[in-house]
Amino acid sequence: MGFKRNRFIVGAAAALSFGMASAAQAATETHNFGAITTPPNSSSFNVSQFDDMGGTRTLLSVQVILNGASAGGSNTIDSEDSVAGSGSVSIGSFVQVTGPASLVVLTNPTQTVTGSIGIDSDGIADFTGSDILQVIGTNSTDSDTDTIFAGLAPYIGLGNVTFNYLKTNDFSASYDIEANTQAVGPVATFDGQVIYTYSVPEPATMGLLAVGALGLLRRRRSA
């Protein structure tokens, strides 16, 4: 009889555990960061860690959404040729944010102008006049996202998790004549969200577990 009773208790406990696991529901917790303006072109910022509340919540994934914007600055092609030509000129910024467990997000808000370039009008590289092709940074935006499901330990706790960022200018120019170029860096800003997806047992399941535990205790006492 003792063996059968113990087997019943183990089986009931296993059934309750399975019911608890299968009834777990997913939820999200969102932390905003920014807006952060560059320069400085490299630094860091902190976001609150995920509180697992003594192990009652299980972190499933970490997602970072990054929104970048670039404005100001210029990129110019100045003809030094006796014939007209054409070209393309761009200005923008790369912003890369990295976190623990190889989490990386990268935005590249960039503007491009394509057109004709006039004959050299003054014989000097002054980047003004009718012999230039120029883009002036107004406002360009871009976004990126990354989600990780492994190596989540650094994101769990009661403190902060640190993210590093790096901003670099994105200049490009192509042309089919003799010319000089001049670039003035834009200002980049970025913001975003860190989203923790986690699982928690449903309240009904927690109640079932408590009732089951009481039932098991009563059976042991009556034995």
N, C-alpha and C. Protein backbone atom coordinates (compact mmCIF):
# COMPACT_ATOMS: atom_id res chain seq x y z
N MET A 1 0.83 -1.21 0.00
CA MET A 1 0.00 0.00 0.00
C MET A 1 0.86 1.25 0.00
N GLY A 2 1.99 1.23 0.77
CA GLY A 2 2.87 2.40 0.83
C GLY A 2 3.42 2.73 -0.53
N PHE A 3 3.79 1.70 -1.30
CA PHE A 3 4.35 1.93 -2.63
C PHE A 3 3.30 2.55 -3.54
N LYS A 4 2.06 2.05 -3.53
CA LYS A 4 1.00 2.59 -4.36
C LYS A 4 0.69 4.03 -3.98
N ARG A 5 0.69 4.34 -2.65
CA ARG A 5 0.37 5.69 -2.20
C ARG A 5 1.45 6.66 -2.67
N ASN A 6 2.71 6.26 -2.53
CA ASN A 6 3.80 7.13 -2.96
C ASN A 6 3.76 7.35 -4.47
N ARG A 7 3.41 6.27 -5.20
CA ARG A 7 3.33 6.38 -6.65
C ARG A 7 2.21 7.34 -7.04
N PHE A 8 1.10 7.31 -6.31
CA PHE A 8 0.00 8.23 -6.58
C PHE A 8 0.43 9.68 -6.33
N ILE A 9 1.15 9.88 -5.24
CA ILE A 9 1.59 11.24 -4.88
C ILE A 9 2.54 11.79 -5.94
N VAL A 10 3.50 10.99 -6.36
CA VAL A 10 4.45 11.43 -7.39
C VAL A 10 3.72 11.73 -8.69
N GLY A 11 2.77 10.84 -9.07
CA GLY A 11 2.03 11.06 -10.30
C GLY A 11 1.18 12.30 -10.26
N ALA A 12 0.53 12.55 -9.13
CA ALA A 12 -0.29 13.75 -9.00
C ALA A 12 0.55 15.00 -9.06
N ALA A 13 1.71 14.97 -8.41
CA ALA A 13 2.60 16.13 -8.43
C ALA A 13 3.10 16.38 -9.85
N ALA A 14 3.42 15.33 -10.58
CA ALA A 14 3.88 15.49 -11.96
C ALA A 14 2.78 16.06 -12.83
N ALA A 15 1.54 15.60 -12.62
CA ALA A 15 0.43 16.12 -13.41
C ALA A 15 0.21 17.59 -13.15
N LEU A 16 0.33 17.99 -11.88
CA LEU A 16 0.17 19.39 -11.54
C LEU A 16 1.28 20.23 -12.16
N SER A 17 2.50 19.71 -12.13
CA SER A 17 3.62 20.44 -12.72
C SER A 17 3.42 20.61 -14.22
N PHE A 18 2.96 19.55 -14.89
CA PHE A 18 2.73 19.64 -16.32
C PHE A 18 1.64 20.65 -16.63
N GLY A 19 0.57 20.64 -15.83
CA GLY A 19 -0.52 21.59 -16.04
C GLY A 19 -0.05 23.01 -15.84
N MET A 20 0.84 23.21 -14.88
CA MET A 20 1.37 24.55 -14.63
C MET A 20 2.20 25.03 -15.80
N ALA A 21 3.04 24.13 -16.35
CA ALA A 21 3.90 24.52 -17.46
C ALA A 21 3.09 24.80 -18.70
N SER A 22 2.09 23.95 -18.98
CA SER A 22 1.33 24.12 -20.21
C SER A 22 0.42 25.32 -20.13
N ALA A 23 0.08 25.78 -18.93
CA ALA A 23 -0.82 26.91 -18.79
C ALA A 23 -0.08 28.23 -18.66
N ALA A 24 1.25 28.23 -18.77
CA ALA A 24 2.01 29.47 -18.68
C ALA A 24 1.63 30.38 -19.83
N GLN A 25 1.56 31.69 -19.55
CA GLN A 25 1.20 32.66 -20.58
C GLN A 25 2.34 33.63 -20.80
N ALA A 26 2.47 34.12 -22.03
CA ALA A 26 3.54 35.04 -22.37
C ALA A 26 3.08 36.48 -22.16
N ALA A 27 4.02 37.31 -21.76
CA ALA A 27 3.75 38.73 -21.56
C ALA A 27 5.01 39.51 -21.94
N THR A 28 4.87 40.82 -22.07
CA THR A 28 6.01 41.64 -22.44
C THR A 28 6.17 42.80 -21.47
N GLU A 29 7.41 43.25 -21.36
CA GLU A 29 7.75 44.41 -20.54
C GLU A 29 8.66 45.30 -21.38
N THR A 30 8.28 46.57 -21.54
CA THR A 30 8.99 47.47 -22.45
C THR A 30 9.69 48.59 -21.70
N HIS A 31 10.95 48.82 -22.07
CA HIS A 31 11.73 49.93 -21.52
C HIS A 31 12.20 50.81 -22.68
N ASN A 32 11.90 52.12 -22.59
CA ASN A 32 12.30 53.06 -23.63
C ASN A 32 13.67 53.66 -23.31
N PHE A 33 14.42 54.01 -24.37
CA PHE A 33 15.67 54.75 -24.18
C PHE A 33 15.76 55.86 -25.21
N GLY A 34 16.55 56.89 -24.90
CA GLY A 34 16.74 58.03 -25.81
C GLY A 34 15.64 59.07 -25.61
N ALA A 35 15.65 60.14 -26.41
CA ALA A 35 16.50 60.32 -27.58
C ALA A 35 17.93 60.71 -27.16
N ILE A 36 18.90 60.10 -27.84
CA ILE A 36 20.31 60.36 -27.60
C ILE A 36 20.89 61.04 -28.82
N THR A 37 21.59 62.17 -28.60
CA THR A 37 22.16 62.95 -29.69
C THR A 37 23.66 62.79 -29.73
N THR A 38 24.20 62.65 -30.95
CA THR A 38 25.65 62.58 -31.13
C THR A 38 26.11 63.85 -31.84
N PRO A 39 27.35 64.36 -31.52
CA PRO A 39 28.34 63.75 -30.64
C PRO A 39 27.96 63.87 -29.16
N PRO A 40 28.64 63.09 -28.27
CA PRO A 40 29.79 62.23 -28.56
C PRO A 40 29.41 61.07 -29.47
N ASN A 41 30.35 60.63 -30.27
CA ASN A 41 30.07 59.62 -31.28
C ASN A 41 30.17 58.20 -30.75
N SER A 42 30.65 58.04 -29.53
CA SER A 42 30.67 56.71 -28.91
C SER A 42 30.50 56.88 -27.41
N SER A 43 29.59 56.11 -26.85
CA SER A 43 29.34 56.15 -25.41
C SER A 43 28.44 54.97 -25.05
N SER A 44 27.74 55.07 -23.95
CA SER A 44 26.88 53.97 -23.52
C SER A 44 25.65 54.54 -22.81
N PHE A 45 24.65 53.69 -22.63
CA PHE A 45 23.46 54.05 -21.87
C PHE A 45 22.96 52.80 -21.16
N ASN A 46 22.15 53.00 -20.13
CA ASN A 46 21.65 51.88 -19.31
C ASN A 46 20.15 51.72 -19.45
N VAL A 47 19.71 50.47 -19.36
CA VAL A 47 18.29 50.12 -19.33
C VAL A 47 18.08 49.15 -18.17
N SER A 48 16.96 49.25 -17.49
CA SER A 48 16.69 48.37 -16.35
C SER A 48 16.68 46.91 -16.76
N GLN A 49 17.26 46.07 -15.91
CA GLN A 49 17.23 44.64 -16.15
C GLN A 49 15.82 44.09 -15.93
N PHE A 50 15.65 42.85 -16.36
CA PHE A 50 14.38 42.15 -16.17
C PHE A 50 14.35 41.53 -14.78
N ASP A 51 13.36 41.86 -14.00
CA ASP A 51 13.18 41.30 -12.65
C ASP A 51 12.34 40.03 -12.75
N ASP A 52 12.97 38.88 -12.46
CA ASP A 52 12.23 37.61 -12.57
C ASP A 52 11.40 37.32 -11.33
N MET A 53 11.40 38.25 -10.35
CA MET A 53 10.56 38.16 -9.16
C MET A 53 10.73 36.82 -8.46
N GLY A 54 11.98 36.55 -8.13
CA GLY A 54 12.28 35.33 -7.38
C GLY A 54 12.08 34.06 -8.16
N GLY A 55 12.17 34.14 -9.48
CA GLY A 55 12.01 32.94 -10.29
C GLY A 55 10.60 32.64 -10.72
N THR A 56 9.64 33.51 -10.39
CA THR A 56 8.26 33.27 -10.78
C THR A 56 7.98 33.73 -12.22
N ARG A 57 8.92 34.49 -12.81
CA ARG A 57 8.80 34.89 -14.21
C ARG A 57 10.05 34.40 -14.96
N THR A 58 9.86 33.87 -16.15
CA THR A 58 10.96 33.32 -16.95
C THR A 58 11.17 34.17 -18.20
N LEU A 59 12.37 34.71 -18.34
CA LEU A 59 12.67 35.53 -19.52
C LEU A 59 12.85 34.62 -20.74
N LEU A 60 12.14 34.90 -21.82
CA LEU A 60 12.17 34.09 -23.02
C LEU A 60 13.02 34.72 -24.13
N SER A 61 12.97 36.05 -24.25
CA SER A 61 13.73 36.71 -25.32
C SER A 61 13.91 38.18 -24.97
N VAL A 62 14.90 38.79 -25.64
CA VAL A 62 15.16 40.22 -25.53
C VAL A 62 15.17 40.79 -26.94
N GLN A 63 14.37 41.83 -27.16
CA GLN A 63 14.32 42.49 -28.46
C GLN A 63 14.68 43.96 -28.30
N VAL A 64 15.53 44.47 -29.19
CA VAL A 64 15.86 45.89 -29.21
C VAL A 64 15.39 46.48 -30.53
N ILE A 65 14.63 47.56 -30.45
CA ILE A 65 14.18 48.31 -31.62
C ILE A 65 14.93 49.64 -31.60
N LEU A 66 15.61 49.96 -32.69
CA LEU A 66 16.43 51.17 -32.78
C LEU A 66 15.92 52.04 -33.91
N ASN A 67 15.65 53.32 -33.59
CA ASN A 67 15.23 54.30 -34.58
C ASN A 67 16.29 55.38 -34.68
N GLY A 68 16.80 55.60 -35.89
CA GLY A 68 17.86 56.59 -36.08
C GLY A 68 17.42 57.71 -37.00
N ALA A 69 17.97 58.91 -36.78
CA ALA A 69 17.70 60.06 -37.64
C ALA A 69 19.00 60.82 -37.86
N SER A 70 19.14 61.37 -39.06
CA SER A 70 20.33 62.13 -39.41
C SER A 70 19.91 63.44 -40.03
N ALA A 71 20.52 64.55 -39.60
CA ALA A 71 20.16 65.87 -40.13
C ALA A 71 21.38 66.78 -40.10
N GLY A 72 21.39 67.77 -41.00
CA GLY A 72 22.49 68.71 -41.07
C GLY A 72 23.67 68.17 -41.84
N GLY A 73 24.70 68.99 -41.96
CA GLY A 73 25.88 68.60 -42.70
C GLY A 73 25.67 68.71 -44.20
N SER A 74 26.71 68.42 -44.95
CA SER A 74 26.61 68.48 -46.41
C SER A 74 27.71 67.64 -47.03
N ASN A 75 27.52 67.31 -48.29
CA ASN A 75 28.52 66.60 -49.08
C ASN A 75 28.48 67.19 -50.49
N THR A 76 29.63 67.61 -50.99
CA THR A 76 29.65 68.40 -52.22
C THR A 76 30.73 67.89 -53.18
N ILE A 77 30.38 67.85 -54.47
CA ILE A 77 31.33 67.60 -55.55
C ILE A 77 31.53 68.93 -56.30
N ASP A 78 32.78 69.36 -56.47
CA ASP A 78 33.11 70.59 -57.17
C ASP A 78 33.93 70.24 -58.41
N SER A 79 33.39 70.58 -59.58
CA SER A 79 34.07 70.25 -60.84
C SER A 79 35.37 71.01 -61.00
N GLU A 80 36.39 70.32 -61.49
CA GLU A 80 37.65 70.93 -61.88
C GLU A 80 37.97 70.56 -63.32
N ASP A 81 36.90 70.36 -64.11
CA ASP A 81 37.04 69.85 -65.46
C ASP A 81 36.47 70.84 -66.48
N SER A 82 36.96 70.74 -67.72
CA SER A 82 36.51 71.64 -68.79
C SER A 82 35.30 71.09 -69.52
N VAL A 83 34.82 69.93 -69.09
CA VAL A 83 33.61 69.36 -69.66
C VAL A 83 32.61 69.08 -68.55
N ALA A 84 31.33 69.08 -68.89
CA ALA A 84 30.30 68.76 -67.91
C ALA A 84 30.26 67.27 -67.64
N GLY A 85 29.71 66.93 -66.51
CA GLY A 85 29.61 65.52 -66.15
C GLY A 85 28.38 65.26 -65.31
N SER A 86 28.38 64.13 -64.68
CA SER A 86 27.27 63.76 -63.80
C SER A 86 27.84 63.02 -62.60
N GLY A 87 27.00 62.92 -61.57
CA GLY A 87 27.48 62.23 -60.37
C GLY A 87 26.37 61.95 -59.38
N SER A 88 26.77 61.40 -58.27
CA SER A 88 25.85 61.07 -57.19
C SER A 88 26.57 61.34 -55.88
N VAL A 89 25.87 61.95 -54.93
CA VAL A 89 26.48 62.31 -53.66
C VAL A 89 25.49 62.02 -52.53
N SER A 90 26.01 61.45 -51.43
CA SER A 90 25.16 61.01 -50.31
C SER A 90 25.72 61.52 -48.98
N ILE A 91 24.82 61.66 -48.02
CA ILE A 91 25.22 62.01 -46.66
C ILE A 91 24.30 61.30 -45.68
N GLY A 92 24.86 60.83 -44.60
CA GLY A 92 24.05 60.15 -43.58
C GLY A 92 24.92 59.72 -42.42
N SER A 93 24.38 58.83 -41.60
CA SER A 93 25.07 58.35 -40.41
C SER A 93 24.77 56.88 -40.17
N PHE A 94 25.79 56.16 -39.76
CA PHE A 94 25.59 54.83 -39.20
C PHE A 94 25.53 54.96 -37.68
N VAL A 95 24.53 54.36 -37.06
CA VAL A 95 24.48 54.25 -35.60
C VAL A 95 24.34 52.78 -35.26
N GLN A 96 25.31 52.26 -34.52
CA GLN A 96 25.28 50.86 -34.11
C GLN A 96 25.17 50.77 -32.60
N VAL A 97 24.22 49.99 -32.12
CA VAL A 97 24.03 49.74 -30.69
C VAL A 97 24.27 48.26 -30.43
N THR A 98 25.11 47.97 -29.45
CA THR A 98 25.41 46.59 -29.09
C THR A 98 25.10 46.35 -27.62
N GLY A 99 24.60 45.15 -27.34
CA GLY A 99 24.32 44.74 -25.98
C GLY A 99 24.92 43.37 -25.71
N PRO A 100 24.78 42.86 -24.49
CA PRO A 100 25.30 41.53 -24.17
C PRO A 100 24.72 40.45 -25.08
N ALA A 101 25.43 39.35 -25.17
CA ALA A 101 25.01 38.17 -25.94
C ALA A 101 24.90 38.48 -27.43
N SER A 102 25.84 39.31 -27.92
CA SER A 102 25.95 39.58 -29.36
C SER A 102 24.69 40.21 -29.95
N LEU A 103 23.97 40.98 -29.17
CA LEU A 103 22.82 41.70 -29.69
C LEU A 103 23.32 42.95 -30.40
N VAL A 104 22.97 43.13 -31.68
CA VAL A 104 23.45 44.26 -32.48
C VAL A 104 22.31 44.83 -33.31
N VAL A 105 22.13 46.15 -33.26
CA VAL A 105 21.19 46.84 -34.13
C VAL A 105 21.94 47.98 -34.82
N LEU A 106 21.58 48.27 -36.07
CA LEU A 106 22.32 49.24 -36.87
C LEU A 106 21.36 50.01 -37.75
N THR A 107 21.39 51.35 -37.67
CA THR A 107 20.59 52.18 -38.56
C THR A 107 21.52 52.97 -39.48
N ASN A 108 21.01 53.30 -40.66
CA ASN A 108 21.78 54.07 -41.64
C ASN A 108 20.85 55.05 -42.37
N PRO A 109 20.42 56.10 -41.66
CA PRO A 109 19.60 57.11 -42.35
C PRO A 109 20.46 57.94 -43.30
N THR A 110 20.18 57.86 -44.60
CA THR A 110 21.04 58.47 -45.61
C THR A 110 20.20 59.16 -46.69
N GLN A 111 20.71 60.30 -47.16
CA GLN A 111 20.10 61.03 -48.28
C GLN A 111 21.06 60.99 -49.47
N THR A 112 20.51 60.90 -50.67
CA THR A 112 21.32 60.85 -51.89
C THR A 112 20.76 61.80 -52.93
N VAL A 113 21.66 62.52 -53.59
CA VAL A 113 21.30 63.39 -54.72
C VAL A 113 22.08 62.95 -55.94
N THR A 114 21.40 62.79 -57.06
CA THR A 114 22.03 62.42 -58.33
C THR A 114 21.69 63.49 -59.37
N GLY A 115 22.70 63.90 -60.14
CA GLY A 115 22.42 64.93 -61.14
C GLY A 115 23.64 65.28 -61.96
N SER A 116 23.52 66.38 -62.71
CA SER A 116 24.59 66.84 -63.58
C SER A 116 25.53 67.77 -62.83
N ILE A 117 26.78 67.83 -63.31
CA ILE A 117 27.80 68.70 -62.73
C ILE A 117 28.32 69.59 -63.86
N GLY A 118 28.24 70.90 -63.65
CA GLY A 118 28.61 71.84 -64.70
C GLY A 118 30.11 71.92 -64.93
N ILE A 119 30.49 72.61 -66.00
CA ILE A 119 31.90 72.85 -66.31
C ILE A 119 32.51 73.74 -65.24
N ASP A 120 33.77 73.49 -64.89
CA ASP A 120 34.47 74.29 -63.90
C ASP A 120 34.36 75.77 -64.26
N SER A 121 33.79 76.56 -63.34
CA SER A 121 33.51 77.96 -63.65
C SER A 121 34.53 78.95 -63.08
N ASP A 122 35.37 78.49 -62.16
CA ASP A 122 36.25 79.46 -61.50
C ASP A 122 37.69 78.97 -61.33
N GLY A 123 37.96 77.72 -61.63
CA GLY A 123 39.32 77.22 -61.53
C GLY A 123 39.81 76.93 -60.13
N ILE A 124 38.93 77.04 -59.14
CA ILE A 124 39.31 76.76 -57.75
C ILE A 124 38.27 75.86 -57.11
N ALA A 125 38.71 75.14 -56.09
CA ALA A 125 37.79 74.25 -55.36
C ALA A 125 37.16 75.02 -54.21
N ASP A 126 36.16 75.84 -54.51
CA ASP A 126 35.50 76.64 -53.48
C ASP A 126 34.14 76.07 -53.07
N PHE A 127 33.68 75.04 -53.78
CA PHE A 127 32.46 74.30 -53.44
C PHE A 127 31.23 75.20 -53.42
N THR A 128 31.24 76.19 -54.30
CA THR A 128 30.08 77.04 -54.54
C THR A 128 29.96 77.27 -56.04
N GLY A 129 28.85 77.84 -56.45
CA GLY A 129 28.68 78.19 -57.85
C GLY A 129 27.89 77.15 -58.62
N SER A 130 28.01 77.26 -59.96
CA SER A 130 27.22 76.40 -60.85
C SER A 130 27.92 75.11 -61.22
N ASP A 131 29.14 74.90 -60.69
CA ASP A 131 29.91 73.70 -61.08
C ASP A 131 29.96 72.67 -59.96
N ILE A 132 28.91 72.66 -59.12
CA ILE A 132 28.90 71.71 -58.00
C ILE A 132 27.65 70.84 -58.06
N LEU A 133 27.75 69.70 -57.39
CA LEU A 133 26.61 68.85 -57.07
C LEU A 133 26.65 68.63 -55.57
N GLN A 134 25.58 68.98 -54.89
CA GLN A 134 25.62 69.02 -53.42
C GLN A 134 24.36 68.41 -52.82
N VAL A 135 24.53 67.71 -51.70
CA VAL A 135 23.41 67.28 -50.87
C VAL A 135 23.58 67.91 -49.50
N ILE A 136 22.51 68.53 -49.00
CA ILE A 136 22.51 69.14 -47.66
C ILE A 136 21.59 68.31 -46.79
N GLY A 137 22.11 67.85 -45.67
CA GLY A 137 21.33 66.99 -44.79
C GLY A 137 20.12 67.71 -44.22
N THR A 138 18.95 67.18 -44.47
CA THR A 138 17.73 67.75 -43.89
C THR A 138 17.22 66.82 -42.79
N ASN A 139 16.57 65.74 -43.17
CA ASN A 139 16.12 64.78 -42.16
C ASN A 139 15.87 63.44 -42.82
N SER A 140 16.67 62.45 -42.49
CA SER A 140 16.46 61.09 -43.00
C SER A 140 16.39 60.15 -41.81
N THR A 141 15.61 59.10 -41.95
CA THR A 141 15.39 58.18 -40.84
C THR A 141 15.58 56.74 -41.29
N ASP A 142 15.84 55.88 -40.32
CA ASP A 142 15.98 54.45 -40.57
C ASP A 142 15.75 53.72 -39.25
N SER A 143 15.44 52.45 -39.32
CA SER A 143 15.21 51.66 -38.10
C SER A 143 15.71 50.25 -38.30
N ASP A 144 15.94 49.57 -37.19
CA ASP A 144 16.42 48.20 -37.22
C ASP A 144 15.98 47.51 -35.93
N THR A 145 15.97 46.19 -35.95
CA THR A 145 15.60 45.43 -34.75
C THR A 145 16.40 44.14 -34.69
N ASP A 146 16.65 43.68 -33.49
CA ASP A 146 17.33 42.40 -33.28
C ASP A 146 16.72 41.73 -32.06
N THR A 147 16.56 40.41 -32.11
CA THR A 147 15.98 39.64 -31.02
C THR A 147 16.90 38.47 -30.70
N ILE A 148 17.17 38.26 -29.41
CA ILE A 148 17.99 37.13 -29.00
C ILE A 148 17.18 36.24 -28.07
N PHE A 149 17.50 34.94 -28.11
CA PHE A 149 16.79 33.95 -27.29
C PHE A 149 17.74 33.16 -26.40
N ALA A 150 19.02 33.40 -26.51
CA ALA A 150 20.02 32.67 -25.72
C ALA A 150 20.97 33.66 -25.07
N GLY A 151 21.65 33.21 -24.01
CA GLY A 151 22.59 34.08 -23.31
C GLY A 151 21.91 35.23 -22.61
N LEU A 152 20.75 35.00 -22.03
CA LEU A 152 19.93 36.07 -21.46
C LEU A 152 20.31 36.46 -20.04
N ALA A 153 21.22 35.74 -19.41
CA ALA A 153 21.56 35.98 -18.01
C ALA A 153 21.93 37.43 -17.71
N PRO A 154 22.72 38.13 -18.56
CA PRO A 154 23.09 39.51 -18.24
C PRO A 154 21.89 40.47 -18.19
N TYR A 155 20.77 40.06 -18.75
CA TYR A 155 19.60 40.93 -18.77
C TYR A 155 18.69 40.73 -17.56
N ILE A 156 19.02 39.77 -16.71
CA ILE A 156 18.16 39.43 -15.57
C ILE A 156 18.78 39.95 -14.29
N GLY A 157 18.00 40.64 -13.48
CA GLY A 157 18.49 41.15 -12.21
C GLY A 157 17.68 42.35 -11.76
N LEU A 158 18.23 43.05 -10.77
CA LEU A 158 17.55 44.22 -10.20
C LEU A 158 18.28 45.51 -10.52
N GLY A 159 19.31 45.44 -11.34
CA GLY A 159 20.10 46.62 -11.67
C GLY A 159 19.86 47.08 -13.10
N ASN A 160 20.94 47.41 -13.79
CA ASN A 160 20.87 47.89 -15.17
C ASN A 160 21.69 47.01 -16.09
N VAL A 161 21.32 47.00 -17.35
CA VAL A 161 22.13 46.39 -18.40
C VAL A 161 22.65 47.52 -19.28
N THR A 162 23.94 47.44 -19.64
CA THR A 162 24.60 48.51 -20.38
C THR A 162 24.65 48.20 -21.87
N PHE A 163 24.28 49.20 -22.67
CA PHE A 163 24.38 49.13 -24.13
C PHE A 163 25.41 50.16 -24.59
N ASN A 164 26.24 49.78 -25.55
CA ASN A 164 27.22 50.70 -26.13
C ASN A 164 26.75 51.14 -27.51
N TYR A 165 27.08 52.38 -27.87
CA TYR A 165 26.74 52.83 -29.21
C TYR A 165 27.94 53.49 -29.89
N LEU A 166 27.91 53.45 -31.22
CA LEU A 166 28.96 54.05 -32.05
C LEU A 166 28.31 54.69 -33.26
N LYS A 167 28.63 55.97 -33.47
CA LYS A 167 28.11 56.69 -34.63
C LYS A 167 29.25 57.05 -35.57
N THR A 168 29.09 56.74 -36.85
CA THR A 168 30.06 57.13 -37.85
C THR A 168 29.33 57.80 -39.01
N ASN A 169 30.00 58.75 -39.64
CA ASN A 169 29.40 59.45 -40.79
C ASN A 169 29.44 58.56 -42.02
N ASP A 170 28.43 58.70 -42.85
CA ASP A 170 28.33 57.94 -44.09
C ASP A 170 28.37 58.91 -45.26
N PHE A 171 29.54 59.07 -45.85
CA PHE A 171 29.71 59.94 -47.01
C PHE A 171 30.05 59.08 -48.23
N SER A 172 29.43 59.37 -49.35
CA SER A 172 29.82 58.72 -50.59
C SER A 172 29.64 59.70 -51.73
N ALA A 173 30.51 59.59 -52.75
CA ALA A 173 30.43 60.45 -53.92
C ALA A 173 30.99 59.71 -55.12
N SER A 174 30.29 59.76 -56.23
CA SER A 174 30.77 59.17 -57.48
C SER A 174 30.57 60.18 -58.59
N TYR A 175 31.52 60.26 -59.52
CA TYR A 175 31.45 61.25 -60.60
C TYR A 175 32.35 60.80 -61.73
N ASP A 176 32.09 61.34 -62.95
CA ASP A 176 32.80 60.90 -64.14
C ASP A 176 33.69 61.98 -64.74
N ILE A 177 34.06 62.98 -63.94
CA ILE A 177 34.93 64.07 -64.38
C ILE A 177 35.99 64.32 -63.32
N GLU A 178 36.93 65.24 -63.61
CA GLU A 178 37.89 65.67 -62.62
C GLU A 178 37.17 66.58 -61.62
N ALA A 179 37.29 66.25 -60.32
CA ALA A 179 36.55 67.01 -59.32
C ALA A 179 37.17 66.82 -57.94
N ASN A 180 36.78 67.69 -57.03
CA ASN A 180 37.12 67.57 -55.62
C ASN A 180 35.84 67.40 -54.81
N THR A 181 35.98 66.85 -53.63
CA THR A 181 34.82 66.67 -52.76
C THR A 181 35.09 67.28 -51.39
N GLN A 182 34.00 67.65 -50.75
CA GLN A 182 34.07 68.20 -49.38
C GLN A 182 32.87 67.71 -48.59
N ALA A 183 33.10 67.20 -47.38
CA ALA A 183 32.01 66.67 -46.56
C ALA A 183 32.03 67.31 -45.18
N VAL A 184 30.85 67.66 -44.70
CA VAL A 184 30.66 68.20 -43.34
C VAL A 184 29.70 67.27 -42.62
N GLY A 185 30.12 66.75 -41.47
CA GLY A 185 29.36 65.71 -40.79
C GLY A 185 27.99 66.15 -40.29
N PRO A 186 26.99 65.27 -40.40
CA PRO A 186 25.65 65.53 -39.87
C PRO A 186 25.57 65.21 -38.38
N VAL A 187 24.44 65.57 -37.81
CA VAL A 187 24.14 65.21 -36.42
C VAL A 187 23.17 64.04 -36.42
N ALA A 188 23.48 63.01 -35.67
CA ALA A 188 22.60 61.83 -35.59
C ALA A 188 21.95 61.76 -34.22
N THR A 189 20.70 61.38 -34.21
CA THR A 189 19.99 61.10 -32.97
C THR A 189 19.35 59.72 -33.08
N PHE A 190 19.15 59.09 -31.94
CA PHE A 190 18.49 57.79 -31.97
C PHE A 190 17.74 57.55 -30.67
N ASP A 191 16.74 56.71 -30.76
CA ASP A 191 15.99 56.26 -29.60
C ASP A 191 15.49 54.86 -29.88
N GLY A 192 14.78 54.28 -28.93
CA GLY A 192 14.28 52.93 -29.17
C GLY A 192 13.67 52.30 -27.94
N GLN A 193 13.54 51.00 -28.02
CA GLN A 193 12.91 50.23 -26.95
C GLN A 193 13.65 48.91 -26.74
N VAL A 194 13.68 48.50 -25.50
CA VAL A 194 14.10 47.15 -25.14
C VAL A 194 12.86 46.42 -24.65
N ILE A 195 12.53 45.30 -25.30
CA ILE A 195 11.30 44.57 -24.97
C ILE A 195 11.68 43.20 -24.43
N TYR A 196 11.28 42.94 -23.19
CA TYR A 196 11.48 41.63 -22.57
C TYR A 196 10.20 40.81 -22.75
N THR A 197 10.32 39.64 -23.36
CA THR A 197 9.19 38.72 -23.45
C THR A 197 9.43 37.61 -22.43
N TYR A 198 8.43 37.34 -21.59
CA TYR A 198 8.61 36.38 -20.51
C TYR A 198 7.34 35.57 -20.32
N SER A 199 7.45 34.48 -19.57
CA SER A 199 6.30 33.64 -19.28
C SER A 199 6.03 33.63 -17.78
N VAL A 200 4.74 33.56 -17.45
CA VAL A 200 4.32 33.45 -16.05
C VAL A 200 3.19 32.43 -15.99
N PRO A 201 3.09 31.65 -14.89
CA PRO A 201 1.95 30.74 -14.75
C PRO A 201 0.65 31.53 -14.61
N GLU A 202 -0.43 31.01 -15.17
CA GLU A 202 -1.72 31.66 -15.00
C GLU A 202 -2.16 31.57 -13.55
N PRO A 203 -2.87 32.58 -13.06
CA PRO A 203 -3.34 32.55 -11.65
C PRO A 203 -4.13 31.30 -11.32
N ALA A 204 -4.94 30.83 -12.24
CA ALA A 204 -5.74 29.62 -11.98
C ALA A 204 -4.84 28.42 -11.76
N THR A 205 -3.75 28.37 -12.51
CA THR A 205 -2.82 27.25 -12.36
C THR A 205 -2.14 27.31 -11.00
N MET A 206 -1.78 28.50 -10.55
CA MET A 206 -1.18 28.64 -9.23
C MET A 206 -2.14 28.16 -8.15
N GLY A 207 -3.44 28.50 -8.32
CA GLY A 207 -4.42 28.03 -7.35
C GLY A 207 -4.56 26.53 -7.37
N LEU A 208 -4.56 25.94 -8.56
CA LEU A 208 -4.65 24.49 -8.70
C LEU A 208 -3.47 23.81 -8.02
N LEU A 209 -2.31 24.39 -8.19
CA LEU A 209 -1.12 23.82 -7.57
C LEU A 209 -1.24 23.84 -6.05
N ALA A 210 -1.77 24.96 -5.51
CA ALA A 210 -1.91 25.06 -4.06
C ALA A 210 -2.93 24.04 -3.54
N VAL A 211 -4.06 23.92 -4.25
CA VAL A 211 -5.08 22.94 -3.82
C VAL A 211 -4.52 21.54 -3.89
N GLY A 212 -3.79 21.24 -4.96
CA GLY A 212 -3.21 19.91 -5.10
C GLY A 212 -2.23 19.60 -3.99
N ALA A 213 -1.43 20.60 -3.62
CA ALA A 213 -0.46 20.39 -2.55
C ALA A 213 -1.17 20.09 -1.23
N LEU A 214 -2.26 20.81 -0.94
CA LEU A 214 -3.01 20.55 0.28
C LEU A 214 -3.59 19.15 0.27
N GLY A 215 -4.10 18.74 -0.90
CA GLY A 215 -4.67 17.40 -1.00
C GLY A 215 -3.63 16.32 -0.74
N LEU A 216 -2.43 16.50 -1.25
CA LEU A 216 -1.37 15.54 -1.04
C LEU A 216 -0.98 15.47 0.43
N LEU A 217 -0.94 16.64 1.07
CA LEU A 217 -0.60 16.64 2.50
C LEU A 217 -1.66 15.90 3.33
N ARG A 218 -2.93 16.10 2.99
CA ARG A 218 -4.01 15.43 3.73
C ARG A 218 -3.92 13.92 3.56
N ARG A 219 -3.61 13.46 2.34
CA ARG A 219 -3.50 12.02 2.12
C ARG A 219 -2.36 11.44 2.94
N ARG A 220 -1.27 12.18 3.02
CA ARG A 220 -0.14 11.68 3.82
C ARG A 220 -0.52 11.60 5.29
N ARG A 221 -1.23 12.61 5.77
CA ARG A 221 -1.62 12.60 7.18
C ARG A 221 -2.57 11.45 7.51
N SER A 222 -3.54 11.22 6.57
CA SER A 222 -4.51 10.15 6.82
C SER A 222 -3.87 8.78 6.73
N ALA A 223 -2.72 8.70 6.04
CA ALA A 223 -2.03 7.42 5.93
C ALA A 223 -1.37 7.08 7.26
